[in-house]
Amino acid sequence: MESKLFEQGCRYFDEEDYFEAHEVWEEIWIDAFGPRRYFLQGLIQASVALHHARNQNWAGTRKLSASALDYLERGRTEALEIDIDMMKDRIIEFEVALQKILKGEEVPLPFYKLPRK
C-alpha cells in the first residue's frame, strides 16, 4: 500500500500538483517512523514550499524549503526512491532564484521534478 501511495504522490509532484502530493504523502507519513518518517516529511515540506511559491507566499516557501533540506538529510538512509543530493541541489537552486526575484531581478523560478534513482 505504501509504495502505491508513494508513487501516486510522486506523480502529483511531477505534474506540479504539489498540494495533492503532500496530501498523499501525509497518509504514509502518519505511520512511518525513524529516518523514513524524516524523508517523507522532507518531501511533504518541499511540495508545500512549491505550492506556496505558486501562490507567491515567499515567506512560506523559504521556511518550508529550509526545513525540507534538514528533513531530507535526516532521512537520507531511507530515501530509497529519490536521489537526496540532487533533490537538495534543486531546492537550493530554487532558493537562489527566489532570492534574485526578491531583489527585483526577473528570473524564472526553477520548479522541478523529483530526481528518481
PDB file of N, CA and C in Angstrom:
ATOM      1  N   MET A   1       0.821  -1.197   0.000  1.00  0.00           N
ATOM      2  CA  MET A   1       0.000   0.000   0.000  1.00  0.00           C
ATOM      3  C   MET A   1       0.862   1.257   0.000  1.00  0.00           C
ATOM      4  N   GLU A   2       1.931   1.246   0.830  1.00  0.00           N
ATOM      5  CA  GLU A   2       2.784   2.433   0.891  1.00  0.00           C
ATOM      6  C   GLU A   2       3.390   2.748  -0.462  1.00  0.00           C
ATOM      7  N   SER A   3       3.867   1.722  -1.177  1.00  0.00           N
ATOM      8  CA  SER A   3       4.530   2.000  -2.455  1.00  0.00           C
ATOM      9  C   SER A   3       3.560   2.606  -3.471  1.00  0.00           C
ATOM     10  N   LYS A   4       2.310   2.161  -3.473  1.00  0.00           N
ATOM     11  CA  LYS A   4       1.324   2.738  -4.394  1.00  0.00           C
ATOM     12  C   LYS A   4       1.056   4.194  -4.053  1.00  0.00           C
ATOM     13  N   LEU A   5       0.883   4.475  -2.765  1.00  0.00           N
ATOM     14  CA  LEU A   5       0.646   5.863  -2.343  1.00  0.00           C
ATOM     15  C   LEU A   5       1.878   6.723  -2.620  1.00  0.00           C
ATOM     16  N   PHE A   6       3.055   6.166  -2.351  1.00  0.00           N
ATOM     17  CA  PHE A   6       4.270   6.931  -2.597  1.00  0.00           C
ATOM     18  C   PHE A   6       4.360   7.315  -4.072  1.00  0.00           C
ATOM     19  N   GLU A   7       4.135   6.367  -4.951  1.00  0.00           N
ATOM     20  CA  GLU A   7       4.198   6.624  -6.393  1.00  0.00           C
ATOM     21  C   GLU A   7       3.126   7.615  -6.835  1.00  0.00           C
ATOM     22  N   GLN A   8       1.950   7.513  -6.241  1.00  0.00           N
ATOM     23  CA  GLN A   8       0.891   8.469  -6.561  1.00  0.00           C
ATOM     24  C   GLN A   8       1.334   9.885  -6.176  1.00  0.00           C
ATOM     25  N   GLY A   9       1.954  10.027  -5.007  1.00  0.00           N
ATOM     26  CA  GLY A   9       2.473  11.327  -4.586  1.00  0.00           C
ATOM     27  C   GLY A   9       3.534  11.833  -5.540  1.00  0.00           C
ATOM     28  N   CYS A  10       4.396  10.946  -6.003  1.00  0.00           N
ATOM     29  CA  CYS A  10       5.447  11.333  -6.963  1.00  0.00           C
ATOM     30  C   CYS A  10       4.834  11.824  -8.269  1.00  0.00           C
ATOM     31  N   ARG A  11       3.806  11.142  -8.740  1.00  0.00           N
ATOM     32  CA  ARG A  11       3.136  11.579  -9.972  1.00  0.00           C
ATOM     33  C   ARG A  11       2.547  12.974  -9.800  1.00  0.00           C
ATOM     34  N   TYR A  12       1.857  13.181  -8.681  1.00  0.00           N
ATOM     35  CA  TYR A  12       1.296  14.509  -8.429  1.00  0.00           C
ATOM     36  C   TYR A  12       2.398  15.572  -8.393  1.00  0.00           C
ATOM     37  N   PHE A  13       3.484  15.275  -7.708  1.00  0.00           N
ATOM     38  CA  PHE A  13       4.590  16.232  -7.598  1.00  0.00           C
ATOM     39  C   PHE A  13       5.128  16.570  -8.987  1.00  0.00           C
ATOM     40  N   ASP A  14       5.405  15.549  -9.778  1.00  0.00           N
ATOM     41  CA  ASP A  14       5.981  15.766 -11.105  1.00  0.00           C
ATOM     42  C   ASP A  14       5.006  16.448 -12.069  1.00  0.00           C
ATOM     43  N   GLU A  15       3.714  16.347 -11.771  1.00  0.00           N
ATOM     44  CA  GLU A  15       2.706  17.058 -12.560  1.00  0.00           C
ATOM     45  C   GLU A  15       2.455  18.461 -12.006  1.00  0.00           C
ATOM     46  N   GLU A  16       3.235  18.844 -11.013  1.00  0.00           N
ATOM     47  CA  GLU A  16       3.180  20.149 -10.339  1.00  0.00           C
ATOM     48  C   GLU A  16       1.866  20.359  -9.583  1.00  0.00           C
ATOM     49  N   ASP A  17       1.282  19.271  -9.133  1.00  0.00           N
ATOM     50  CA  ASP A  17       0.119  19.335  -8.257  1.00  0.00           C
ATOM     51  C   ASP A  17       0.644  19.087  -6.836  1.00  0.00           C
ATOM     52  N   TYR A  18       1.344  20.089  -6.330  1.00  0.00           N
ATOM     53  CA  TYR A  18       2.088  19.952  -5.088  1.00  0.00           C
ATOM     54  C   TYR A  18       1.203  19.728  -3.871  1.00  0.00           C
ATOM     55  N   PHE A  19       0.030  20.365  -3.859  1.00  0.00           N
ATOM     56  CA  PHE A  19      -0.861  20.186  -2.721  1.00  0.00           C
ATOM     57  C   PHE A  19      -1.322  18.732  -2.619  1.00  0.00           C
ATOM     58  N   GLU A  20      -1.707  18.142  -3.746  1.00  0.00           N
ATOM     59  CA  GLU A  20      -2.149  16.743  -3.736  1.00  0.00           C
ATOM     60  C   GLU A  20      -1.004  15.798  -3.381  1.00  0.00           C
ATOM     61  N   ALA A  21       0.195  16.098  -3.850  1.00  0.00           N
ATOM     62  CA  ALA A  21       1.359  15.266  -3.494  1.00  0.00           C
ATOM     63  C   ALA A  21       1.525  15.238  -1.981  1.00  0.00           C
ATOM     64  N   HIS A  22       1.456  16.392  -1.375  1.00  0.00           N
ATOM     65  CA  HIS A  22       1.634  16.455   0.080  1.00  0.00           C
ATOM     66  C   HIS A  22       0.521  15.701   0.804  1.00  0.00           C
ATOM     67  N   GLU A  23      -0.700  15.801   0.302  1.00  0.00           N
ATOM     68  CA  GLU A  23      -1.821  15.083   0.924  1.00  0.00           C
ATOM     69  C   GLU A  23      -1.595  13.569   0.894  1.00  0.00           C
ATOM     70  N   VAL A  24      -1.156  13.055  -0.244  1.00  0.00           N
ATOM     71  CA  VAL A  24      -0.937  11.615  -0.390  1.00  0.00           C
ATOM     72  C   VAL A  24       0.225  11.164   0.498  1.00  0.00           C
ATOM     73  N   TRP A  25       1.320  11.901   0.460  1.00  0.00           N
ATOM     74  CA  TRP A  25       2.476  11.508   1.277  1.00  0.00           C
ATOM     75  C   TRP A  25       2.176  11.572   2.766  1.00  0.00           C
ATOM     76  N   GLU A  26       1.303  12.474   3.182  1.00  0.00           N
ATOM     77  CA  GLU A  26       0.939  12.525   4.602  1.00  0.00           C
ATOM     78  C   GLU A  26       0.260  11.242   5.056  1.00  0.00           C
ATOM     79  N   GLU A  27      -0.469  10.591   4.153  1.00  0.00           N
ATOM     80  CA  GLU A  27      -1.106   9.317   4.502  1.00  0.00           C
ATOM     81  C   GLU A  27      -0.058   8.265   4.885  1.00  0.00           C
ATOM     82  N   ILE A  28       1.093   8.296   4.238  1.00  0.00           N
ATOM     83  CA  ILE A  28       2.178   7.360   4.546  1.00  0.00           C
ATOM     84  C   ILE A  28       2.941   7.824   5.783  1.00  0.00           C
ATOM     85  N   TRP A  29       3.194   9.114   5.843  1.00  0.00           N
ATOM     86  CA  TRP A  29       3.984   9.720   6.916  1.00  0.00           C
ATOM     87  C   TRP A  29       3.402   9.420   8.294  1.00  0.00           C
ATOM     88  N   ILE A  30       2.088   9.409   8.393  1.00  0.00           N
ATOM     89  CA  ILE A  30       1.419   9.189   9.681  1.00  0.00           C
ATOM     90  C   ILE A  30       1.905   7.902  10.350  1.00  0.00           C
ATOM     91  N   ASP A  31       2.114   6.843   9.568  1.00  0.00           N
ATOM     92  CA  ASP A  31       2.508   5.548  10.129  1.00  0.00           C
ATOM     93  C   ASP A  31       4.004   5.272  10.057  1.00  0.00           C
ATOM     94  N   ALA A  32       4.759   6.179   9.459  1.00  0.00           N
ATOM     95  CA  ALA A  32       6.204   5.959   9.312  1.00  0.00           C
ATOM     96  C   ALA A  32       6.926   6.305  10.618  1.00  0.00           C
ATOM     97  N   PHE A  33       8.151   5.818  10.727  1.00  0.00           N
ATOM     98  CA  PHE A  33       8.958   6.136  11.904  1.00  0.00           C
ATOM     99  C   PHE A  33      10.422   6.218  11.500  1.00  0.00           C
ATOM    100  N   GLY A  34      11.220   6.825  12.366  1.00  0.00           N
ATOM    101  CA  GLY A  34      12.659   6.933  12.144  1.00  0.00           C
ATOM    102  C   GLY A  34      13.005   7.707  10.887  1.00  0.00           C
ATOM    103  N   PRO A  35      14.102   7.309  10.239  1.00  0.00           N
ATOM    104  CA  PRO A  35      14.565   8.023   9.048  1.00  0.00           C
ATOM    105  C   PRO A  35      13.538   8.067   7.914  1.00  0.00           C
ATOM    106  N   ARG A  36      12.716   7.039   7.778  1.00  0.00           N
ATOM    107  CA  ARG A  36      11.703   7.052   6.717  1.00  0.00           C
ATOM    108  C   ARG A  36      10.703   8.184   6.964  1.00  0.00           C
ATOM    109  N   ARG A  37      10.353   8.385   8.202  1.00  0.00           N
ATOM    110  CA  ARG A  37       9.440   9.477   8.557  1.00  0.00           C
ATOM    111  C   ARG A  37      10.076  10.833   8.209  1.00  0.00           C
ATOM    112  N   TYR A  38      11.359  11.001   8.518  1.00  0.00           N
ATOM    113  CA  TYR A  38      12.049  12.253   8.185  1.00  0.00           C
ATOM    114  C   TYR A  38      12.085  12.470   6.673  1.00  0.00           C
ATOM    115  N   PHE A  39      12.387  11.410   5.932  1.00  0.00           N
ATOM    116  CA  PHE A  39      12.438  11.505   4.470  1.00  0.00           C
ATOM    117  C   PHE A  39      11.090  11.965   3.916  1.00  0.00           C
ATOM    118  N   LEU A  40      10.018  11.322   4.360  1.00  0.00           N
ATOM    119  CA  LEU A  40       8.682  11.692   3.892  1.00  0.00           C
ATOM    120  C   LEU A  40       8.328  13.122   4.302  1.00  0.00           C
ATOM    121  N   GLN A  41       8.720  13.508   5.514  1.00  0.00           N
ATOM    122  CA  GLN A  41       8.470  14.877   5.960  1.00  0.00           C
ATOM    123  C   GLN A  41       9.193  15.874   5.059  1.00  0.00           C
ATOM    124  N   GLY A  42      10.414  15.526   4.632  1.00  0.00           N
ATOM    125  CA  GLY A  42      11.152  16.389   3.715  1.00  0.00           C
ATOM    126  C   GLY A  42      10.439  16.553   2.390  1.00  0.00           C
ATOM    127  N   LEU A  43       9.918  15.460   1.852  1.00  0.00           N
ATOM    128  CA  LEU A  43       9.171  15.536   0.594  1.00  0.00           C
ATOM    129  C   LEU A  43       7.893  16.353   0.761  1.00  0.00           C
ATOM    130  N   ILE A  44       7.208  16.146   1.866  1.00  0.00           N
ATOM    131  CA  ILE A  44       5.978  16.896   2.137  1.00  0.00           C
ATOM    132  C   ILE A  44       6.283  18.383   2.210  1.00  0.00           C
ATOM    133  N   GLN A  45       7.335  18.727   2.927  1.00  0.00           N
ATOM    134  CA  GLN A  45       7.645  20.149   3.079  1.00  0.00           C
ATOM    135  C   GLN A  45       8.132  20.761   1.771  1.00  0.00           C
ATOM    136  N   ALA A  46       8.858  20.012   0.972  1.00  0.00           N
ATOM    137  CA  ALA A  46       9.284  20.526  -0.341  1.00  0.00           C
ATOM    138  C   ALA A  46       8.066  20.773  -1.226  1.00  0.00           C
ATOM    139  N   SER A  47       7.100  19.858  -1.176  1.00  0.00           N
ATOM    140  CA  SER A  47       5.918  20.032  -2.022  1.00  0.00           C
ATOM    141  C   SER A  47       5.073  21.219  -1.562  1.00  0.00           C
ATOM    142  N   VAL A  48       4.930  21.400  -0.273  1.00  0.00           N
ATOM    143  CA  VAL A  48       4.161  22.544   0.222  1.00  0.00           C
ATOM    144  C   VAL A  48       4.913  23.846  -0.064  1.00  0.00           C
ATOM    145  N   ALA A  49       6.235  23.820  -0.001  1.00  0.00           N
ATOM    146  CA  ALA A  49       7.022  25.007  -0.337  1.00  0.00           C
ATOM    147  C   ALA A  49       6.753  25.434  -1.781  1.00  0.00           C
ATOM    148  N   LEU A  50       6.718  24.465  -2.686  1.00  0.00           N
ATOM    149  CA  LEU A  50       6.447  24.787  -4.093  1.00  0.00           C
ATOM    150  C   LEU A  50       4.993  25.229  -4.293  1.00  0.00           C
ATOM    151  N   HIS A  51       4.091  24.661  -3.513  1.00  0.00           N
ATOM    152  CA  HIS A  51       2.698  25.112  -3.554  1.00  0.00           C
ATOM    153  C   HIS A  51       2.626  26.583  -3.128  1.00  0.00           C
ATOM    154  N   HIS A  52       3.329  26.924  -2.051  1.00  0.00           N
ATOM    155  CA  HIS A  52       3.377  28.322  -1.605  1.00  0.00           C
ATOM    156  C   HIS A  52       3.980  29.217  -2.680  1.00  0.00           C
ATOM    157  N   ALA A  53       5.001  28.729  -3.357  1.00  0.00           N
ATOM    158  CA  ALA A  53       5.641  29.535  -4.408  1.00  0.00           C
ATOM    159  C   ALA A  53       4.655  29.829  -5.531  1.00  0.00           C
ATOM    160  N   ARG A  54       3.820  28.873  -5.875  1.00  0.00           N
ATOM    161  CA  ARG A  54       2.801  29.097  -6.909  1.00  0.00           C
ATOM    162  C   ARG A  54       1.866  30.248  -6.516  1.00  0.00           C
ATOM    163  N   ASN A  55       1.672  30.405  -5.200  1.00  0.00           N
ATOM    164  CA  ASN A  55       0.794  31.453  -4.679  1.00  0.00           C
ATOM    165  C   ASN A  55       1.566  32.702  -4.243  1.00  0.00           C
ATOM    166  N   GLN A  56       2.839  32.731  -4.556  1.00  0.00           N
ATOM    167  CA  GLN A  56       3.726  33.841  -4.213  1.00  0.00           C
ATOM    168  C   GLN A  56       3.776  34.125  -2.710  1.00  0.00           C
ATOM    169  N   ASN A  57       3.654  33.084  -1.929  1.00  0.00           N
ATOM    170  CA  ASN A  57       3.849  33.171  -0.480  1.00  0.00           C
ATOM    171  C   ASN A  57       5.323  32.887  -0.232  1.00  0.00           C
ATOM    172  N   TRP A  58       6.135  33.911  -0.397  1.00  0.00           N
ATOM    173  CA  TRP A  58       7.587  33.729  -0.357  1.00  0.00           C
ATOM    174  C   TRP A  58       8.087  33.329   1.022  1.00  0.00           C
ATOM    175  N   ALA A  59       7.494  33.881   2.077  1.00  0.00           N
ATOM    176  CA  ALA A  59       7.936  33.521   3.426  1.00  0.00           C
ATOM    177  C   ALA A  59       7.692  32.032   3.681  1.00  0.00           C
ATOM    178  N   GLY A  60       6.513  31.557   3.313  1.00  0.00           N
ATOM    179  CA  GLY A  60       6.207  30.135   3.477  1.00  0.00           C
ATOM    180  C   GLY A  60       7.105  29.259   2.625  1.00  0.00           C
ATOM    181  N   THR A  61       7.359  29.716   1.407  1.00  0.00           N
ATOM    182  CA  THR A  61       8.241  28.962   0.509  1.00  0.00           C
ATOM    183  C   THR A  61       9.617  28.799   1.126  1.00  0.00           C
ATOM    184  N   ARG A  62      10.176  29.888   1.596  1.00  0.00           N
ATOM    185  CA  ARG A  62      11.541  29.851   2.127  1.00  0.00           C
ATOM    186  C   ARG A  62      11.628  29.035   3.407  1.00  0.00           C
ATOM    187  N   LYS A  63      10.661  29.204   4.291  1.00  0.00           N
ATOM    188  CA  LYS A  63      10.671  28.471   5.556  1.00  0.00           C
ATOM    189  C   LYS A  63      10.580  26.963   5.321  1.00  0.00           C
ATOM    190  N   LEU A  64       9.647  26.545   4.475  1.00  0.00           N
ATOM    191  CA  LEU A  64       9.465  25.113   4.248  1.00  0.00           C
ATOM    192  C   LEU A  64      10.594  24.511   3.415  1.00  0.00           C
ATOM    193  N   SER A  65      11.158  25.274   2.499  1.00  0.00           N
ATOM    194  CA  SER A  65      12.304  24.764   1.735  1.00  0.00           C
ATOM    195  C   SER A  65      13.484  24.497   2.659  1.00  0.00           C
ATOM    196  N   ALA A  66      13.727  25.410   3.585  1.00  0.00           N
ATOM    197  CA  ALA A  66      14.840  25.236   4.521  1.00  0.00           C
ATOM    198  C   ALA A  66      14.631  24.006   5.398  1.00  0.00           C
ATOM    199  N   SER A  67      13.424  23.831   5.915  1.00  0.00           N
ATOM    200  CA  SER A  67      13.200  22.667   6.767  1.00  0.00           C
ATOM    201  C   SER A  67      13.188  21.377   5.944  1.00  0.00           C
ATOM    202  N   ALA A  68      12.770  21.450   4.684  1.00  0.00           N
ATOM    203  CA  ALA A  68      12.813  20.261   3.826  1.00  0.00           C
ATOM    204  C   ALA A  68      14.250  19.765   3.677  1.00  0.00           C
ATOM    205  N   LEU A  69      15.177  20.685   3.517  1.00  0.00           N
ATOM    206  CA  LEU A  69      16.591  20.296   3.394  1.00  0.00           C
ATOM    207  C   LEU A  69      17.040  19.502   4.616  1.00  0.00           C
ATOM    208  N   ASP A  70      16.668  19.976   5.794  1.00  0.00           N
ATOM    209  CA  ASP A  70      17.055  19.302   7.030  1.00  0.00           C
ATOM    210  C   ASP A  70      16.414  17.919   7.129  1.00  0.00           C
ATOM    211  N   TYR A  71      15.118  17.838   6.885  1.00  0.00           N
ATOM    212  CA  TYR A  71      14.431  16.547   6.986  1.00  0.00           C
ATOM    213  C   TYR A  71      14.952  15.544   5.948  1.00  0.00           C
ATOM    214  N   LEU A  72      15.212  16.011   4.744  1.00  0.00           N
ATOM    215  CA  LEU A  72      15.733  15.091   3.721  1.00  0.00           C
ATOM    216  C   LEU A  72      17.085  14.525   4.139  1.00  0.00           C
ATOM    217  N   GLU A  73      17.928  15.371   4.724  1.00  0.00           N
ATOM    218  CA  GLU A  73      19.234  14.884   5.182  1.00  0.00           C
ATOM    219  C   GLU A  73      19.061  13.872   6.308  1.00  0.00           C
ATOM    220  N   ARG A  74      18.168  14.150   7.233  1.00  0.00           N
ATOM    221  CA  ARG A  74      17.933  13.244   8.356  1.00  0.00           C
ATOM    222  C   ARG A  74      17.327  11.915   7.906  1.00  0.00           C
ATOM    223  N   GLY A  75      16.627  11.936   6.775  1.00  0.00           N
ATOM    224  CA  GLY A  75      16.017  10.715   6.264  1.00  0.00           C
ATOM    225  C   GLY A  75      16.798  10.061   5.143  1.00  0.00           C
ATOM    226  N   ARG A  76      18.009  10.510   4.919  1.00  0.00           N
ATOM    227  CA  ARG A  76      18.836  10.027   3.802  1.00  0.00           C
ATOM    228  C   ARG A  76      18.890   8.512   3.706  1.00  0.00           C
ATOM    229  N   THR A  77      19.037   7.814   4.812  1.00  0.00           N
ATOM    230  CA  THR A  77      19.217   6.356   4.767  1.00  0.00           C
ATOM    231  C   THR A  77      17.963   5.622   4.289  1.00  0.00           C
ATOM    232  N   GLU A  78      16.806   6.287   4.359  1.00  0.00           N
ATOM    233  CA  GLU A  78      15.562   5.649   3.920  1.00  0.00           C
ATOM    234  C   GLU A  78      15.001   6.269   2.648  1.00  0.00           C
ATOM    235  N   ALA A  79      15.801   7.049   1.984  1.00  0.00           N
ATOM    236  CA  ALA A  79      15.379   7.682   0.726  1.00  0.00           C
ATOM    237  C   ALA A  79      15.704   6.729  -0.415  1.00  0.00           C
ATOM    238  N   LEU A  80      14.977   5.650  -0.475  1.00  0.00           N
ATOM    239  CA  LEU A  80      15.288   4.590  -1.420  1.00  0.00           C
ATOM    240  C   LEU A  80      14.922   4.945  -2.858  1.00  0.00           C
ATOM    241  N   GLU A  81      13.954   5.850  -3.027  1.00  0.00           N
ATOM    242  CA  GLU A  81      13.431   6.131  -4.359  1.00  0.00           C
ATOM    243  C   GLU A  81      13.965   7.436  -4.965  1.00  0.00           C
ATOM    244  N   ILE A  82      14.491   8.325  -4.135  1.00  0.00           N
ATOM    245  CA  ILE A  82      14.861   9.674  -4.555  1.00  0.00           C
ATOM    246  C   ILE A  82      16.350   9.904  -4.319  1.00  0.00           C
ATOM    247  N   ASP A  83      16.995  10.572  -5.252  1.00  0.00           N
ATOM    248  CA  ASP A  83      18.398  10.968  -5.084  1.00  0.00           C
ATOM    249  C   ASP A  83      18.423  12.213  -4.197  1.00  0.00           C
ATOM    250  N   ILE A  84      18.790  12.028  -2.942  1.00  0.00           N
ATOM    251  CA  ILE A  84      18.737  13.119  -1.962  1.00  0.00           C
ATOM    252  C   ILE A  84      19.655  14.270  -2.353  1.00  0.00           C
ATOM    253  N   ASP A  85      20.863  13.983  -2.810  1.00  0.00           N
ATOM    254  CA  ASP A  85      21.779  15.072  -3.166  1.00  0.00           C
ATOM    255  C   ASP A  85      21.214  15.927  -4.302  1.00  0.00           C
ATOM    256  N   MET A  86      20.647  15.298  -5.310  1.00  0.00           N
ATOM    257  CA  MET A  86      20.045  16.044  -6.413  1.00  0.00           C
ATOM    258  C   MET A  86      18.825  16.825  -5.943  1.00  0.00           C
ATOM    259  N   MET A  87      18.024  16.222  -5.077  1.00  0.00           N
ATOM    260  CA  MET A  87      16.840  16.904  -4.558  1.00  0.00           C
ATOM    261  C   MET A  87      17.252  18.147  -3.786  1.00  0.00           C
ATOM    262  N   LYS A  88      18.244  18.006  -2.934  1.00  0.00           N
ATOM    263  CA  LYS A  88      18.710  19.155  -2.162  1.00  0.00           C
ATOM    264  C   LYS A  88      19.278  20.236  -3.091  1.00  0.00           C
ATOM    265  N   ASP A  89      20.002  19.831  -4.122  1.00  0.00           N
ATOM    266  CA  ASP A  89      20.516  20.806  -5.096  1.00  0.00           C
ATOM    267  C   ASP A  89      19.378  21.568  -5.762  1.00  0.00           C
ATOM    268  N   ARG A  90      18.315  20.878  -6.094  1.00  0.00           N
ATOM    269  CA  ARG A  90      17.170  21.537  -6.753  1.00  0.00           C
ATOM    270  C   ARG A  90      16.470  22.512  -5.818  1.00  0.00           C
ATOM    271  N   ILE A  91      16.363  22.146  -4.558  1.00  0.00           N
ATOM    272  CA  ILE A  91      15.766  23.057  -3.577  1.00  0.00           C
ATOM    273  C   ILE A  91      16.634  24.307  -3.431  1.00  0.00           C
ATOM    274  N   ILE A  92      17.937  24.113  -3.378  1.00  0.00           N
ATOM    275  CA  ILE A  92      18.850  25.256  -3.245  1.00  0.00           C
ATOM    276  C   ILE A  92      18.801  26.136  -4.497  1.00  0.00           C
ATOM    277  N   GLU A  93      18.768  25.533  -5.671  1.00  0.00           N
ATOM    278  CA  GLU A  93      18.650  26.311  -6.915  1.00  0.00           C
ATOM    279  C   GLU A  93      17.368  27.139  -6.917  1.00  0.00           C
ATOM    280  N   PHE A  94      16.304  26.564  -6.409  1.00  0.00           N
ATOM    281  CA  PHE A  94      15.034  27.286  -6.325  1.00  0.00           C
ATOM    282  C   PHE A  94      15.177  28.478  -5.384  1.00  0.00           C
ATOM    283  N   GLU A  95      15.812  28.264  -4.246  1.00  0.00           N
ATOM    284  CA  GLU A  95      16.018  29.333  -3.270  1.00  0.00           C
ATOM    285  C   GLU A  95      16.872  30.456  -3.850  1.00  0.00           C
ATOM    286  N   VAL A  96      17.916  30.113  -4.570  1.00  0.00           N
ATOM    287  CA  VAL A  96      18.776  31.128  -5.191  1.00  0.00           C
ATOM    288  C   VAL A  96      17.969  31.973  -6.181  1.00  0.00           C
ATOM    289  N   ALA A  97      17.155  31.332  -6.991  1.00  0.00           N
ATOM    290  CA  ALA A  97      16.315  32.065  -7.941  1.00  0.00           C
ATOM    291  C   ALA A  97      15.322  32.952  -7.192  1.00  0.00           C
ATOM    292  N   LEU A  98      14.755  32.443  -6.120  1.00  0.00           N
ATOM    293  CA  LEU A  98      13.808  33.227  -5.338  1.00  0.00           C
ATOM    294  C   LEU A  98      14.491  34.452  -4.727  1.00  0.00           C
ATOM    295  N   GLN A  99      15.716  34.282  -4.244  1.00  0.00           N
ATOM    296  CA  GLN A  99      16.457  35.426  -3.703  1.00  0.00           C
ATOM    297  C   GLN A  99      16.654  36.501  -4.767  1.00  0.00           C
ATOM    298  N   LYS A 100      16.928  36.090  -5.992  1.00  0.00           N
ATOM    299  CA  LYS A 100      17.086  37.058  -7.081  1.00  0.00           C
ATOM    300  C   LYS A 100      15.777  37.798  -7.347  1.00  0.00           C
ATOM    301  N   ILE A 101      14.676  37.078  -7.322  1.00  0.00           N
ATOM    302  CA  ILE A 101      13.368  37.698  -7.527  1.00  0.00           C
ATOM    303  C   ILE A 101      13.090  38.710  -6.425  1.00  0.00           C
ATOM    304  N   LEU A 102      13.402  38.333  -5.194  1.00  0.00           N
ATOM    305  CA  LEU A 102      13.163  39.230  -4.070  1.00  0.00           C
ATOM    306  C   LEU A 102      14.035  40.484  -4.134  1.00  0.00           C
ATOM    307  N   LYS A 103      15.128  40.416  -4.863  1.00  0.00           N
ATOM    308  CA  LYS A 103      15.995  41.585  -5.075  1.00  0.00           C
ATOM    309  C   LYS A 103      15.557  42.397  -6.286  1.00  0.00           C
ATOM    310  N   GLY A 104      14.501  41.954  -6.958  1.00  0.00           N
ATOM    311  CA  GLY A 104      13.973  42.699  -8.089  1.00  0.00           C
ATOM    312  C   GLY A 104      14.383  42.191  -9.455  1.00  0.00           C
ATOM    313  N   GLU A 105      15.163  41.117  -9.505  1.00  0.00           N
ATOM    314  CA  GLU A 105      15.574  40.560 -10.795  1.00  0.00           C
ATOM    315  C   GLU A 105      14.421  39.746 -11.389  1.00  0.00           C
ATOM    316  N   GLU A 106      14.377  39.719 -12.693  1.00  0.00           N
ATOM    317  CA  GLU A 106      13.355  38.919 -13.374  1.00  0.00           C
ATOM    318  C   GLU A 106      13.988  37.618 -13.858  1.00  0.00           C
ATOM    319  N   VAL A 107      13.793  36.586 -13.080  1.00  0.00           N
ATOM    320  CA  VAL A 107      14.289  35.255 -13.432  1.00  0.00           C
ATOM    321  C   VAL A 107      13.144  34.267 -13.239  1.00  0.00           C
ATOM    322  N   PRO A 108      13.118  33.208 -14.022  1.00  0.00           N
ATOM    323  CA  PRO A 108      12.067  32.203 -13.820  1.00  0.00           C
ATOM    324  C   PRO A 108      12.378  31.340 -12.596  1.00  0.00           C
ATOM    325  N   LEU A 109      11.345  30.955 -11.905  1.00  0.00           N
ATOM    326  CA  LEU A 109      11.536  30.026 -10.796  1.00  0.00           C
ATOM    327  C   LEU A 109      11.702  28.619 -11.366  1.00  0.00           C
ATOM    328  N   PRO A 110      12.740  27.921 -10.944  1.00  0.00           N
ATOM    329  CA  PRO A 110      13.002  26.579 -11.488  1.00  0.00           C
ATOM    330  C   PRO A 110      12.214  25.481 -10.769  1.00  0.00           C
ATOM    331  N   PHE A 111      10.891  25.444 -11.034  1.00  0.00           N
ATOM    332  CA  PHE A 111      10.106  24.337 -10.490  1.00  0.00           C
ATOM    333  C   PHE A 111      10.702  23.042 -11.045  1.00  0.00           C
ATOM    334  N   TYR A 112      10.712  22.016 -10.237  1.00  0.00           N
ATOM    335  CA  TYR A 112      11.459  20.811 -10.596  1.00  0.00           C
ATOM    336  C   TYR A 112      10.648  19.546 -10.386  1.00  0.00           C
ATOM    337  N   LYS A 113      11.139  18.501 -11.003  1.00  0.00           N
ATOM    338  CA  LYS A 113      10.565  17.165 -10.815  1.00  0.00           C
ATOM    339  C   LYS A 113      11.441  16.419  -9.811  1.00  0.00           C
ATOM    340  N   LEU A 114      10.934  15.329  -9.300  1.00  0.00           N
ATOM    341  CA  LEU A 114      11.695  14.532  -8.346  1.00  0.00           C
ATOM    342  C   LEU A 114      12.834  13.814  -9.044  1.00  0.00           C
ATOM    343  N   PRO A 115      14.033  13.883  -8.496  1.00  0.00           N
ATOM    344  CA  PRO A 115      15.164  13.150  -9.090  1.00  0.00           C
ATOM    345  C   PRO A 115      15.126  11.685  -8.618  1.00  0.00           C
ATOM    346  N   ARG A 116      14.629  10.837  -9.477  1.00  0.00           N
ATOM    347  CA  ARG A 116      14.470   9.424  -9.126  1.00  0.00           C
ATOM    348  C   ARG A 116      15.791   8.682  -9.263  1.00  0.00           C
ATOM    349  N   LYS A 117      15.951   7.666  -8.451  1.00  0.00           N
ATOM    350  CA  LYS A 117      17.149   6.813  -8.548  1.00  0.00           C
ATOM    351  C   LYS A 117      16.971   5.824  -9.657  1.00  0.00           C
TER     352      LYS A 117
END
